[in-house]
Amino acid sequence: MDFLSCLSMKHPAPLGIDAAMLNSVVNLPKAIPFLERHPTIYAFLDNDEAGRRALAELTCRCPRSRVIDHAHHYRDYKDLNDFWIARRRLRDDLEETKAESRKPQLQPKGGMKV
C-alpha cells in the first residue's frame, strides 16, 4: 500500500525508477542483490523500530550506495500510507467545508411582530 500511496502522490508524472517492495522488512536480505546495484536507494520504511533496524541494515549491506531515508517526511505517522490517508482525509474535509461555505445562506424574513 505504501508504494501505491507513493504513486498516487507522484501522479501523473511517471516515476522512471526501479522499485523494490519488501512487504515486510524480513524480506530485506532477498532484496539486497538488487538494491546494491543502484548508486542511490530511496528508503520509505515504517517509522518504527523494525523500520529503523532495516534502514541501518540496508546502509550497512549496501556500502557503495547512497541510502536516503524518507521516513522523516511522514514522521508523525506509522508509514507513508497512513500519511497519505490522513492527507487525503484533510483535503476532503477542507473541500467539504468550502462547499458548505458556498451554499446560499437563507436570511430570515422580517415577518410580523406581535
N, C-alpha and C. Protein backbone atom coordinates (compact mmCIF):
# COMPACT_ATOMS: atom_id res chain seq x y z
N MET A 1 0.82 -1.20 0.00
CA MET A 1 0.00 0.00 0.00
C MET A 1 0.87 1.26 0.00
N ASP A 2 2.01 1.19 0.66
CA ASP A 2 2.88 2.37 0.69
C ASP A 2 3.33 2.77 -0.72
N PHE A 3 3.65 1.79 -1.55
CA PHE A 3 4.09 2.10 -2.90
C PHE A 3 2.95 2.69 -3.72
N LEU A 4 1.74 2.19 -3.54
CA LEU A 4 0.59 2.77 -4.23
C LEU A 4 0.36 4.20 -3.77
N SER A 5 0.56 4.46 -2.48
CA SER A 5 0.45 5.84 -1.99
C SER A 5 1.50 6.72 -2.64
N CYS A 6 2.70 6.21 -2.77
CA CYS A 6 3.78 6.97 -3.42
C CYS A 6 3.41 7.28 -4.87
N LEU A 7 2.90 6.28 -5.57
CA LEU A 7 2.48 6.51 -6.96
C LEU A 7 1.37 7.55 -7.02
N SER A 8 0.44 7.50 -6.08
CA SER A 8 -0.66 8.48 -6.06
C SER A 8 -0.14 9.89 -5.85
N MET A 9 0.87 10.04 -5.02
CA MET A 9 1.43 11.36 -4.75
C MET A 9 2.15 11.91 -5.97
N LYS A 10 2.75 11.05 -6.77
CA LYS A 10 3.53 11.48 -7.93
C LYS A 10 2.69 11.57 -9.20
N HIS A 11 1.48 11.10 -9.18
CA HIS A 11 0.63 11.05 -10.37
C HIS A 11 0.42 12.46 -10.91
N PRO A 12 0.41 12.69 -12.17
CA PRO A 12 0.55 11.73 -13.27
C PRO A 12 1.99 11.57 -13.76
N ALA A 13 2.93 12.21 -13.11
CA ALA A 13 4.32 12.09 -13.56
C ALA A 13 4.83 10.66 -13.37
N PRO A 14 5.39 10.07 -14.41
CA PRO A 14 5.94 8.72 -14.26
C PRO A 14 7.16 8.77 -13.35
N LEU A 15 7.35 7.73 -12.56
CA LEU A 15 8.47 7.71 -11.63
C LEU A 15 9.80 7.50 -12.35
N GLY A 16 9.83 6.66 -13.37
CA GLY A 16 11.06 6.43 -14.11
C GLY A 16 12.17 5.85 -13.26
N ILE A 17 11.82 4.97 -12.33
CA ILE A 17 12.81 4.38 -11.44
C ILE A 17 12.57 2.89 -11.30
N ASP A 18 13.59 2.17 -10.83
CA ASP A 18 13.41 0.79 -10.39
C ASP A 18 12.83 0.86 -8.99
N ALA A 19 12.06 -0.14 -8.62
CA ALA A 19 11.47 -0.15 -7.28
C ALA A 19 11.46 -1.57 -6.73
N ALA A 20 11.65 -1.67 -5.44
CA ALA A 20 11.56 -2.95 -4.74
C ALA A 20 10.61 -2.77 -3.57
N MET A 21 9.54 -3.55 -3.54
CA MET A 21 8.61 -3.52 -2.43
C MET A 21 8.89 -4.74 -1.57
N LEU A 22 9.18 -4.51 -0.31
CA LEU A 22 9.55 -5.62 0.57
C LEU A 22 8.33 -6.32 1.18
N ASN A 23 7.26 -5.60 1.39
CA ASN A 23 6.07 -6.08 2.09
C ASN A 23 6.34 -6.40 3.56
N SER A 24 7.57 -6.66 3.90
CA SER A 24 7.98 -6.88 5.28
C SER A 24 9.50 -6.71 5.32
N VAL A 25 10.01 -6.17 6.40
CA VAL A 25 11.46 -5.97 6.49
C VAL A 25 12.21 -7.29 6.55
N VAL A 26 11.53 -8.40 6.84
CA VAL A 26 12.21 -9.70 6.83
C VAL A 26 12.64 -10.08 5.42
N ASN A 27 12.08 -9.43 4.40
CA ASN A 27 12.45 -9.69 3.01
C ASN A 27 13.65 -8.88 2.55
N LEU A 28 14.18 -8.02 3.40
CA LEU A 28 15.31 -7.18 3.00
C LEU A 28 16.51 -7.99 2.50
N PRO A 29 16.92 -9.06 3.18
CA PRO A 29 18.07 -9.82 2.66
C PRO A 29 17.87 -10.32 1.23
N LYS A 30 16.65 -10.66 0.86
CA LYS A 30 16.38 -11.12 -0.52
C LYS A 30 16.54 -9.99 -1.52
N ALA A 31 16.30 -8.76 -1.08
CA ALA A 31 16.35 -7.61 -1.99
C ALA A 31 17.75 -7.00 -2.12
N ILE A 32 18.66 -7.35 -1.23
CA ILE A 32 20.00 -6.74 -1.23
C ILE A 32 20.71 -6.89 -2.57
N PRO A 33 20.74 -8.06 -3.21
CA PRO A 33 21.44 -8.15 -4.51
C PRO A 33 20.91 -7.17 -5.55
N PHE A 34 19.61 -6.94 -5.55
CA PHE A 34 19.01 -5.97 -6.47
C PHE A 34 19.35 -4.55 -6.05
N LEU A 35 19.21 -4.25 -4.77
CA LEU A 35 19.41 -2.89 -4.28
C LEU A 35 20.86 -2.43 -4.38
N GLU A 36 21.80 -3.31 -4.10
CA GLU A 36 23.21 -2.89 -4.08
C GLU A 36 23.74 -2.54 -5.46
N ARG A 37 23.00 -2.84 -6.51
CA ARG A 37 23.41 -2.46 -7.87
C ARG A 37 23.08 -1.00 -8.17
N HIS A 38 22.38 -0.34 -7.28
CA HIS A 38 21.93 1.03 -7.51
C HIS A 38 22.78 2.03 -6.72
N PRO A 39 23.20 3.11 -7.38
CA PRO A 39 24.04 4.10 -6.67
C PRO A 39 23.26 4.86 -5.60
N THR A 40 21.95 4.99 -5.76
CA THR A 40 21.13 5.70 -4.78
C THR A 40 19.91 4.84 -4.47
N ILE A 41 19.62 4.74 -3.18
CA ILE A 41 18.46 3.97 -2.71
C ILE A 41 17.60 4.91 -1.88
N TYR A 42 16.36 5.08 -2.29
CA TYR A 42 15.41 5.91 -1.55
C TYR A 42 14.57 4.99 -0.69
N ALA A 43 14.69 5.13 0.62
CA ALA A 43 14.01 4.22 1.55
C ALA A 43 12.76 4.90 2.12
N PHE A 44 11.64 4.20 2.02
CA PHE A 44 10.37 4.65 2.57
C PHE A 44 9.89 3.59 3.56
N LEU A 45 10.63 3.43 4.62
CA LEU A 45 10.34 2.39 5.61
C LEU A 45 9.43 2.93 6.70
N ASP A 46 8.85 2.00 7.47
CA ASP A 46 7.95 2.40 8.55
C ASP A 46 8.69 3.17 9.63
N ASN A 47 7.97 4.03 10.31
CA ASN A 47 8.51 4.80 11.44
C ASN A 47 8.36 4.00 12.73
N ASP A 48 9.06 2.91 12.79
CA ASP A 48 9.06 2.09 14.00
C ASP A 48 10.44 1.46 14.14
N GLU A 49 10.62 0.68 15.18
CA GLU A 49 11.93 0.08 15.44
C GLU A 49 12.36 -0.84 14.30
N ALA A 50 11.44 -1.61 13.75
CA ALA A 50 11.78 -2.52 12.65
C ALA A 50 12.23 -1.72 11.42
N GLY A 51 11.59 -0.60 11.14
CA GLY A 51 11.98 0.24 10.02
C GLY A 51 13.36 0.84 10.23
N ARG A 52 13.64 1.26 11.45
CA ARG A 52 14.97 1.84 11.74
C ARG A 52 16.06 0.77 11.64
N ARG A 53 15.78 -0.43 12.13
CA ARG A 53 16.77 -1.52 12.01
C ARG A 53 17.00 -1.88 10.55
N ALA A 54 15.92 -1.92 9.76
CA ALA A 54 16.06 -2.24 8.34
C ALA A 54 16.87 -1.17 7.62
N LEU A 55 16.67 0.09 7.97
CA LEU A 55 17.45 1.17 7.36
C LEU A 55 18.93 1.01 7.70
N ALA A 56 19.23 0.70 8.95
CA ALA A 56 20.63 0.50 9.36
C ALA A 56 21.24 -0.69 8.62
N GLU A 57 20.49 -1.77 8.49
CA GLU A 57 20.99 -2.94 7.77
C GLU A 57 21.21 -2.62 6.29
N LEU A 58 20.27 -1.91 5.71
CA LEU A 58 20.38 -1.52 4.31
C LEU A 58 21.63 -0.67 4.08
N THR A 59 21.86 0.29 4.95
CA THR A 59 23.02 1.17 4.85
C THR A 59 24.31 0.37 4.99
N CYS A 60 24.31 -0.58 5.91
CA CYS A 60 25.50 -1.40 6.16
C CYS A 60 25.77 -2.37 5.01
N ARG A 61 24.73 -2.98 4.48
CA ARG A 61 24.89 -4.02 3.46
C ARG A 61 25.03 -3.47 2.05
N CYS A 62 24.79 -2.19 1.88
CA CYS A 62 24.96 -1.55 0.56
C CYS A 62 25.91 -0.37 0.71
N PRO A 63 27.16 -0.61 1.07
CA PRO A 63 28.08 0.50 1.38
C PRO A 63 28.44 1.38 0.18
N ARG A 64 28.30 0.88 -1.03
CA ARG A 64 28.61 1.69 -2.21
C ARG A 64 27.41 2.48 -2.70
N SER A 65 26.26 2.29 -2.04
CA SER A 65 25.05 3.02 -2.42
C SER A 65 24.79 4.14 -1.42
N ARG A 66 24.23 5.20 -1.92
CA ARG A 66 23.79 6.30 -1.05
C ARG A 66 22.35 5.99 -0.65
N VAL A 67 22.13 5.71 0.62
CA VAL A 67 20.79 5.38 1.12
C VAL A 67 20.16 6.64 1.68
N ILE A 68 19.02 7.03 1.10
CA ILE A 68 18.34 8.25 1.52
C ILE A 68 17.04 7.86 2.23
N ASP A 69 16.97 8.19 3.49
CA ASP A 69 15.80 7.87 4.32
C ASP A 69 14.73 8.94 4.13
N HIS A 70 13.54 8.53 3.73
CA HIS A 70 12.44 9.47 3.51
C HIS A 70 11.39 9.41 4.62
N ALA A 71 11.63 8.61 5.64
CA ALA A 71 10.64 8.46 6.71
C ALA A 71 10.37 9.76 7.45
N HIS A 72 11.32 10.69 7.44
CA HIS A 72 11.10 11.96 8.14
C HIS A 72 9.97 12.77 7.50
N HIS A 73 9.67 12.51 6.23
CA HIS A 73 8.57 13.23 5.57
C HIS A 73 7.21 12.87 6.16
N TYR A 74 7.12 11.71 6.76
CA TYR A 74 5.86 11.25 7.37
C TYR A 74 6.11 10.80 8.81
N ARG A 75 6.97 11.54 9.51
CA ARG A 75 7.42 11.17 10.85
C ARG A 75 6.30 11.06 11.89
N ASP A 76 5.20 11.76 11.70
CA ASP A 76 4.11 11.69 12.66
C ASP A 76 3.14 10.54 12.37
N TYR A 77 3.49 9.70 11.42
CA TYR A 77 2.63 8.60 11.01
C TYR A 77 3.42 7.30 11.00
N LYS A 78 2.71 6.18 11.08
CA LYS A 78 3.37 4.88 11.10
C LYS A 78 4.13 4.63 9.81
N ASP A 79 3.51 4.99 8.70
CA ASP A 79 4.14 4.75 7.41
C ASP A 79 3.60 5.73 6.37
N LEU A 80 4.09 5.61 5.16
CA LEU A 80 3.70 6.51 4.10
C LEU A 80 2.21 6.42 3.79
N ASN A 81 1.66 5.22 3.84
CA ASN A 81 0.25 5.04 3.55
C ASN A 81 -0.63 5.75 4.59
N ASP A 82 -0.29 5.64 5.87
CA ASP A 82 -1.06 6.35 6.90
C ASP A 82 -1.00 7.86 6.68
N PHE A 83 0.17 8.36 6.30
CA PHE A 83 0.31 9.78 5.99
C PHE A 83 -0.59 10.17 4.82
N TRP A 84 -0.58 9.36 3.76
CA TRP A 84 -1.37 9.65 2.57
C TRP A 84 -2.86 9.65 2.89
N ILE A 85 -3.31 8.69 3.67
CA ILE A 85 -4.73 8.62 4.05
C ILE A 85 -5.12 9.86 4.85
N ALA A 86 -4.28 10.25 5.81
CA ALA A 86 -4.57 11.43 6.63
C ALA A 86 -4.60 12.69 5.77
N ARG A 87 -3.67 12.78 4.84
CA ARG A 87 -3.62 13.95 3.95
C ARG A 87 -4.86 14.02 3.07
N ARG A 88 -5.27 12.89 2.53
CA ARG A 88 -6.48 12.86 1.70
C ARG A 88 -7.72 13.22 2.52
N ARG A 89 -7.78 12.70 3.73
CA ARG A 89 -8.92 12.98 4.61
C ARG A 89 -8.99 14.47 4.92
N LEU A 90 -7.85 15.08 5.21
CA LEU A 90 -7.79 16.52 5.49
C LEU A 90 -8.24 17.31 4.27
N ARG A 91 -7.74 16.93 3.10
CA ARG A 91 -8.12 17.63 1.87
C ARG A 91 -9.62 17.49 1.61
N ASP A 92 -10.17 16.30 1.82
CA ASP A 92 -11.60 16.09 1.63
C ASP A 92 -12.42 16.93 2.60
N ASP A 93 -11.95 17.01 3.86
CA ASP A 93 -12.64 17.83 4.87
C ASP A 93 -12.62 19.30 4.48
N LEU A 94 -11.47 19.77 3.98
CA LEU A 94 -11.36 21.17 3.56
C LEU A 94 -12.28 21.46 2.38
N GLU A 95 -12.34 20.54 1.43
CA GLU A 95 -13.23 20.73 0.28
C GLU A 95 -14.68 20.75 0.72
N GLU A 96 -15.03 19.90 1.67
CA GLU A 96 -16.40 19.87 2.18
C GLU A 96 -16.74 21.18 2.90
N THR A 97 -15.80 21.70 3.66
CA THR A 97 -16.00 22.97 4.36
C THR A 97 -16.18 24.11 3.36
N LYS A 98 -15.37 24.12 2.30
CA LYS A 98 -15.51 25.15 1.27
C LYS A 98 -16.87 25.05 0.58
N ALA A 99 -17.30 23.84 0.29
CA ALA A 99 -18.59 23.64 -0.37
C ALA A 99 -19.72 24.13 0.53
N GLU A 100 -19.62 23.89 1.82
CA GLU A 100 -20.64 24.35 2.77
C GLU A 100 -20.69 25.87 2.81
N SER A 101 -19.53 26.50 2.77
CA SER A 101 -19.49 27.96 2.85
C SER A 101 -20.01 28.63 1.58
N ARG A 102 -20.02 27.89 0.46
CA ARG A 102 -20.53 28.45 -0.79
C ARG A 102 -22.05 28.32 -0.92
N LYS A 103 -22.66 27.52 -0.07
CA LYS A 103 -24.11 27.36 -0.15
C LYS A 103 -24.77 28.68 0.24
N PRO A 104 -25.84 29.04 -0.48
CA PRO A 104 -26.51 30.30 -0.13
C PRO A 104 -27.10 30.21 1.28
N GLN A 105 -26.91 31.27 2.02
CA GLN A 105 -27.43 31.33 3.38
C GLN A 105 -28.83 31.93 3.34
N LEU A 106 -29.77 31.26 3.93
CA LEU A 106 -31.13 31.77 3.99
C LEU A 106 -31.22 32.87 5.04
N GLN A 107 -31.76 33.98 4.64
CA GLN A 107 -31.94 35.09 5.55
C GLN A 107 -33.35 35.02 6.13
N PRO A 108 -33.48 35.20 7.42
CA PRO A 108 -34.84 35.18 8.00
C PRO A 108 -35.65 36.34 7.45
N LYS A 109 -36.91 36.07 7.18
CA LYS A 109 -37.80 37.12 6.67
C LYS A 109 -38.22 37.99 7.84
N GLY A 110 -38.52 39.25 7.49
CA GLY A 110 -38.92 40.21 8.53
C GLY A 110 -40.14 39.75 9.32
N GLY A 111 -41.13 39.28 8.62
CA GLY A 111 -42.32 38.78 9.28
C GLY A 111 -43.06 39.84 10.05
N MET A 112 -43.95 39.41 10.85
CA MET A 112 -44.80 40.32 11.63
C MET A 112 -44.48 40.17 13.11
N LYS A 113 -44.28 41.27 13.77
CA LYS A 113 -44.00 41.24 15.20
C LYS A 113 -45.28 41.48 15.95
N VAL A 114 -45.46 40.78 17.00
CA VAL A 114 -46.67 40.95 17.80
C VAL A 114 -46.29 41.42 19.18
